[in-house]
Structure formats: structure tokens, C-alpha cells
Amino acid sequence: MSKKQDDNKFQFALAKENYILLAIGFAIIILGFVLMIGGRSDDPTVFNEEIFSFRRITLAPIVVLFGFMFEIYAIMKKPKTE
């Protein structure tokens, strides 16, 4: 390949490894939001204490926060050079 053809070749901003890590981080964030689902009452006049469960108030936000931190890591990670 000539130098001219190398310059015209399309390149992504990140390496393949970074995009895989980004997808994993996105899945972790989605998991955190899925953990927040639920706790509603069938009768609107009755209060359901289930909305204040450990899973919805503590665990799910921690999982989402970890997912966002993992996304930052995935973007900043320097790919291995071969």
C-alpha cells in the first residue's frame, strides 16, 4: 500500500477493545436501571413500601454509577500496540 492510500483509509477514534468495553459499560448501566424498576402499587390509594427497598435505593444507583465510571475507563484506556 502506498502512503497516499494509507492516508485515505478510514480509522475509528478508538480501538476495537475500547468499543467492546464501552458496550460492557452500557450493559452495566442498563442493568442498574432495570434494578430500579418496580415497587408500584396496584391501588393508587395504597402506599407501597417496596419502593424504598435496598435494591432500588442503594444497589441500583451504585451499579449505574459504576457503569458510568467504567465508561470513562473504557474511553481513556490506551489500546495495546502491536
N, C-alpha and C. Protein backbone atom coordinates (compact mmCIF):
# COMPACT_ATOMS: atom_id res chain seq x y z
N MET A 1 0.83 -1.18 0.00
CA MET A 1 0.00 0.00 0.00
C MET A 1 0.88 1.25 0.00
N SER A 2 0.48 2.19 -0.76
CA SER A 2 1.28 3.41 -0.82
C SER A 2 0.89 4.35 0.32
N LYS A 3 1.70 5.34 0.53
CA LYS A 3 1.46 6.33 1.58
C LYS A 3 0.13 7.05 1.36
N LYS A 4 -0.19 7.34 0.11
CA LYS A 4 -1.43 8.05 -0.23
C LYS A 4 -2.65 7.21 0.15
N GLN A 5 -2.61 5.90 -0.07
CA GLN A 5 -3.73 5.04 0.27
C GLN A 5 -3.89 4.90 1.78
N ASP A 6 -2.79 4.91 2.53
CA ASP A 6 -2.85 4.85 3.98
C ASP A 6 -3.53 6.08 4.56
N ASP A 7 -3.29 7.24 3.97
CA ASP A 7 -3.88 8.47 4.47
C ASP A 7 -5.39 8.50 4.24
N ASN A 8 -5.87 7.89 3.17
CA ASN A 8 -7.29 7.90 2.84
C ASN A 8 -8.07 6.82 3.57
N LYS A 9 -7.40 5.91 4.22
CA LYS A 9 -8.05 4.81 4.93
C LYS A 9 -8.81 5.35 6.15
N PHE A 10 -10.05 4.91 6.31
CA PHE A 10 -10.89 5.35 7.42
C PHE A 10 -10.42 4.70 8.72
N GLN A 11 -10.30 5.49 9.78
CA GLN A 11 -9.92 4.96 11.08
C GLN A 11 -10.89 5.46 12.15
N PHE A 12 -11.24 4.57 13.07
CA PHE A 12 -12.09 4.94 14.19
C PHE A 12 -11.27 5.71 15.21
N ALA A 13 -11.98 6.46 16.06
CA ALA A 13 -11.31 7.26 17.08
C ALA A 13 -10.70 6.38 18.18
N LEU A 14 -11.34 5.24 18.45
CA LEU A 14 -10.86 4.33 19.50
C LEU A 14 -10.57 2.97 18.88
N ALA A 15 -9.90 2.14 19.64
CA ALA A 15 -9.59 0.79 19.18
C ALA A 15 -10.78 -0.13 19.42
N LYS A 16 -10.73 -1.32 18.82
CA LYS A 16 -11.81 -2.30 18.97
C LYS A 16 -12.04 -2.66 20.43
N GLU A 17 -10.96 -2.80 21.18
CA GLU A 17 -11.04 -3.13 22.61
C GLU A 17 -11.83 -2.07 23.38
N ASN A 18 -11.62 -0.81 23.03
CA ASN A 18 -12.33 0.28 23.70
C ASN A 18 -13.84 0.20 23.43
N TYR A 19 -14.20 -0.13 22.20
CA TYR A 19 -15.62 -0.22 21.86
C TYR A 19 -16.29 -1.41 22.56
N ILE A 20 -15.56 -2.49 22.73
CA ILE A 20 -16.10 -3.63 23.48
C ILE A 20 -16.32 -3.24 24.94
N LEU A 21 -15.36 -2.53 25.53
CA LEU A 21 -15.51 -2.08 26.92
C LEU A 21 -16.66 -1.08 27.04
N LEU A 22 -16.85 -0.23 26.04
CA LEU A 22 -17.97 0.71 26.05
C LEU A 22 -19.30 -0.04 26.05
N ALA A 23 -19.40 -1.11 25.27
CA ALA A 23 -20.63 -1.90 25.23
C ALA A 23 -20.88 -2.58 26.58
N ILE A 24 -19.83 -3.06 27.22
CA ILE A 24 -19.97 -3.68 28.54
C ILE A 24 -20.45 -2.64 29.55
N GLY A 25 -19.86 -1.44 29.51
CA GLY A 25 -20.29 -0.38 30.41
C GLY A 25 -21.74 0.01 30.19
N PHE A 26 -22.16 0.07 28.93
CA PHE A 26 -23.55 0.39 28.62
C PHE A 26 -24.49 -0.67 29.19
N ALA A 27 -24.08 -1.94 29.10
CA ALA A 27 -24.89 -3.04 29.65
C ALA A 27 -24.99 -2.93 31.17
N ILE A 28 -23.91 -2.51 31.83
CA ILE A 28 -23.94 -2.33 33.29
C ILE A 28 -24.90 -1.22 33.66
N ILE A 29 -24.90 -0.13 32.91
CA ILE A 29 -25.82 0.98 33.18
C ILE A 29 -27.26 0.53 33.00
N ILE A 30 -27.54 -0.20 31.93
CA ILE A 30 -28.90 -0.71 31.69
C ILE A 30 -29.32 -1.63 32.83
N LEU A 31 -28.40 -2.49 33.29
CA LEU A 31 -28.70 -3.38 34.42
C LEU A 31 -29.09 -2.57 35.66
N GLY A 32 -28.38 -1.48 35.92
CA GLY A 32 -28.71 -0.64 37.06
C GLY A 32 -30.10 -0.04 36.96
N PHE A 33 -30.48 0.40 35.78
CA PHE A 33 -31.82 0.95 35.61
C PHE A 33 -32.89 -0.13 35.70
N VAL A 34 -32.58 -1.34 35.25
CA VAL A 34 -33.53 -2.45 35.38
C VAL A 34 -33.73 -2.78 36.86
N LEU A 35 -32.67 -2.68 37.66
CA LEU A 35 -32.80 -2.93 39.10
C LEU A 35 -33.71 -1.90 39.78
N MET A 36 -33.85 -0.72 39.21
CA MET A 36 -34.72 0.31 39.79
C MET A 36 -36.19 0.08 39.49
N ILE A 37 -36.51 -0.77 38.54
CA ILE A 37 -37.89 -0.97 38.10
C ILE A 37 -38.70 -1.65 39.20
N GLY A 38 -39.96 -1.27 39.30
CA GLY A 38 -40.90 -1.96 40.18
C GLY A 38 -41.26 -1.15 41.41
N GLY A 39 -42.05 -1.78 42.27
CA GLY A 39 -42.43 -1.16 43.52
C GLY A 39 -43.71 -0.36 43.46
N ARG A 40 -44.41 -0.41 42.34
CA ARG A 40 -45.64 0.37 42.27
C ARG A 40 -46.78 -0.41 42.91
N SER A 41 -47.82 0.30 43.26
CA SER A 41 -48.98 -0.31 43.90
C SER A 41 -50.09 -0.45 42.87
N ASP A 42 -50.84 -1.53 42.96
CA ASP A 42 -51.98 -1.72 42.05
C ASP A 42 -53.10 -0.74 42.35
N ASP A 43 -53.24 -0.39 43.62
CA ASP A 43 -54.27 0.55 44.04
C ASP A 43 -53.61 1.90 44.31
N PRO A 44 -54.00 2.97 43.61
CA PRO A 44 -53.33 4.26 43.80
C PRO A 44 -53.57 4.90 45.17
N THR A 45 -54.53 4.41 45.93
CA THR A 45 -54.78 4.97 47.25
C THR A 45 -53.97 4.28 48.34
N VAL A 46 -53.26 3.21 47.98
CA VAL A 46 -52.46 2.46 48.96
C VAL A 46 -50.99 2.70 48.67
N PHE A 47 -50.26 3.07 49.74
CA PHE A 47 -48.81 3.30 49.60
C PHE A 47 -48.07 1.99 49.72
N ASN A 48 -47.13 1.76 48.82
CA ASN A 48 -46.35 0.53 48.82
C ASN A 48 -44.93 0.85 49.30
N GLU A 49 -44.54 0.27 50.42
CA GLU A 49 -43.21 0.48 50.99
C GLU A 49 -42.10 -0.13 50.14
N GLU A 50 -42.45 -0.97 49.19
CA GLU A 50 -41.47 -1.68 48.37
C GLU A 50 -40.62 -0.72 47.53
N ILE A 51 -41.09 0.50 47.30
CA ILE A 51 -40.29 1.45 46.51
C ILE A 51 -39.04 1.89 47.26
N PHE A 52 -39.00 1.69 48.55
CA PHE A 52 -37.84 2.06 49.36
C PHE A 52 -36.96 0.86 49.70
N SER A 53 -36.97 -0.17 48.87
CA SER A 53 -36.17 -1.36 49.14
C SER A 53 -34.68 -1.06 48.92
N PHE A 54 -33.84 -1.88 49.51
CA PHE A 54 -32.38 -1.73 49.37
C PHE A 54 -31.97 -1.77 47.90
N ARG A 55 -32.60 -2.64 47.13
CA ARG A 55 -32.24 -2.80 45.73
C ARG A 55 -32.48 -1.50 44.94
N ARG A 56 -33.58 -0.82 45.19
CA ARG A 56 -33.91 0.38 44.42
C ARG A 56 -33.22 1.64 44.93
N ILE A 57 -33.02 1.75 46.21
CA ILE A 57 -32.47 2.98 46.80
C ILE A 57 -30.94 2.96 46.86
N THR A 58 -30.34 1.80 47.06
CA THR A 58 -28.89 1.74 47.26
C THR A 58 -28.17 0.99 46.14
N LEU A 59 -28.57 -0.23 45.90
CA LEU A 59 -27.83 -1.08 44.96
C LEU A 59 -27.89 -0.55 43.52
N ALA A 60 -29.06 -0.22 43.03
CA ALA A 60 -29.20 0.22 41.64
C ALA A 60 -28.42 1.50 41.34
N PRO A 61 -28.49 2.54 42.17
CA PRO A 61 -27.67 3.73 41.88
C PRO A 61 -26.17 3.45 41.91
N ILE A 62 -25.72 2.55 42.79
CA ILE A 62 -24.30 2.20 42.82
C ILE A 62 -23.90 1.48 41.54
N VAL A 63 -24.76 0.60 41.05
CA VAL A 63 -24.47 -0.11 39.80
C VAL A 63 -24.41 0.86 38.63
N VAL A 64 -25.35 1.81 38.57
CA VAL A 64 -25.35 2.81 37.49
C VAL A 64 -24.09 3.68 37.57
N LEU A 65 -23.73 4.12 38.76
CA LEU A 65 -22.53 4.93 38.94
C LEU A 65 -21.28 4.16 38.52
N PHE A 66 -21.21 2.88 38.89
CA PHE A 66 -20.09 2.05 38.46
C PHE A 66 -20.05 1.93 36.94
N GLY A 67 -21.22 1.82 36.32
CA GLY A 67 -21.29 1.74 34.87
C GLY A 67 -20.74 2.98 34.21
N PHE A 68 -21.08 4.16 34.74
CA PHE A 68 -20.55 5.41 34.18
C PHE A 68 -19.04 5.52 34.39
N MET A 69 -18.56 5.10 35.54
CA MET A 69 -17.12 5.12 35.78
C MET A 69 -16.40 4.14 34.84
N PHE A 70 -17.03 3.01 34.58
CA PHE A 70 -16.46 2.03 33.66
C PHE A 70 -16.42 2.60 32.24
N GLU A 71 -17.42 3.39 31.87
CA GLU A 71 -17.44 4.04 30.56
C GLU A 71 -16.26 5.01 30.42
N ILE A 72 -15.99 5.76 31.47
CA ILE A 72 -14.85 6.69 31.44
C ILE A 72 -13.55 5.91 31.27
N TYR A 73 -13.43 4.81 32.01
CA TYR A 73 -12.25 3.96 31.87
C TYR A 73 -12.13 3.43 30.44
N ALA A 74 -13.24 3.00 29.86
CA ALA A 74 -13.22 2.44 28.52
C ALA A 74 -12.78 3.46 27.48
N ILE A 75 -13.14 4.69 27.68
CA ILE A 75 -12.74 5.75 26.75
C ILE A 75 -11.27 6.10 26.94
N MET A 76 -10.82 6.18 28.18
CA MET A 76 -9.46 6.64 28.47
C MET A 76 -8.40 5.55 28.30
N LYS A 77 -8.81 4.26 28.29
CA LYS A 77 -7.84 3.17 28.22
C LYS A 77 -7.04 3.25 26.91
N LYS A 78 -5.76 3.16 27.05
CA LYS A 78 -4.87 3.20 25.91
C LYS A 78 -4.80 1.80 25.30
N PRO A 79 -5.08 1.66 24.03
CA PRO A 79 -5.05 0.31 23.42
C PRO A 79 -3.64 -0.24 23.36
N LYS A 80 -3.55 -1.56 23.36
CA LYS A 80 -2.24 -2.21 23.27
C LYS A 80 -1.68 -2.02 21.87
N THR A 81 -0.42 -1.71 21.80
CA THR A 81 0.22 -1.56 20.49
C THR A 81 0.89 -2.85 20.08
N GLU A 82 0.79 -3.18 18.83
CA GLU A 82 1.37 -4.44 18.35
C GLU A 82 2.57 -4.20 17.50
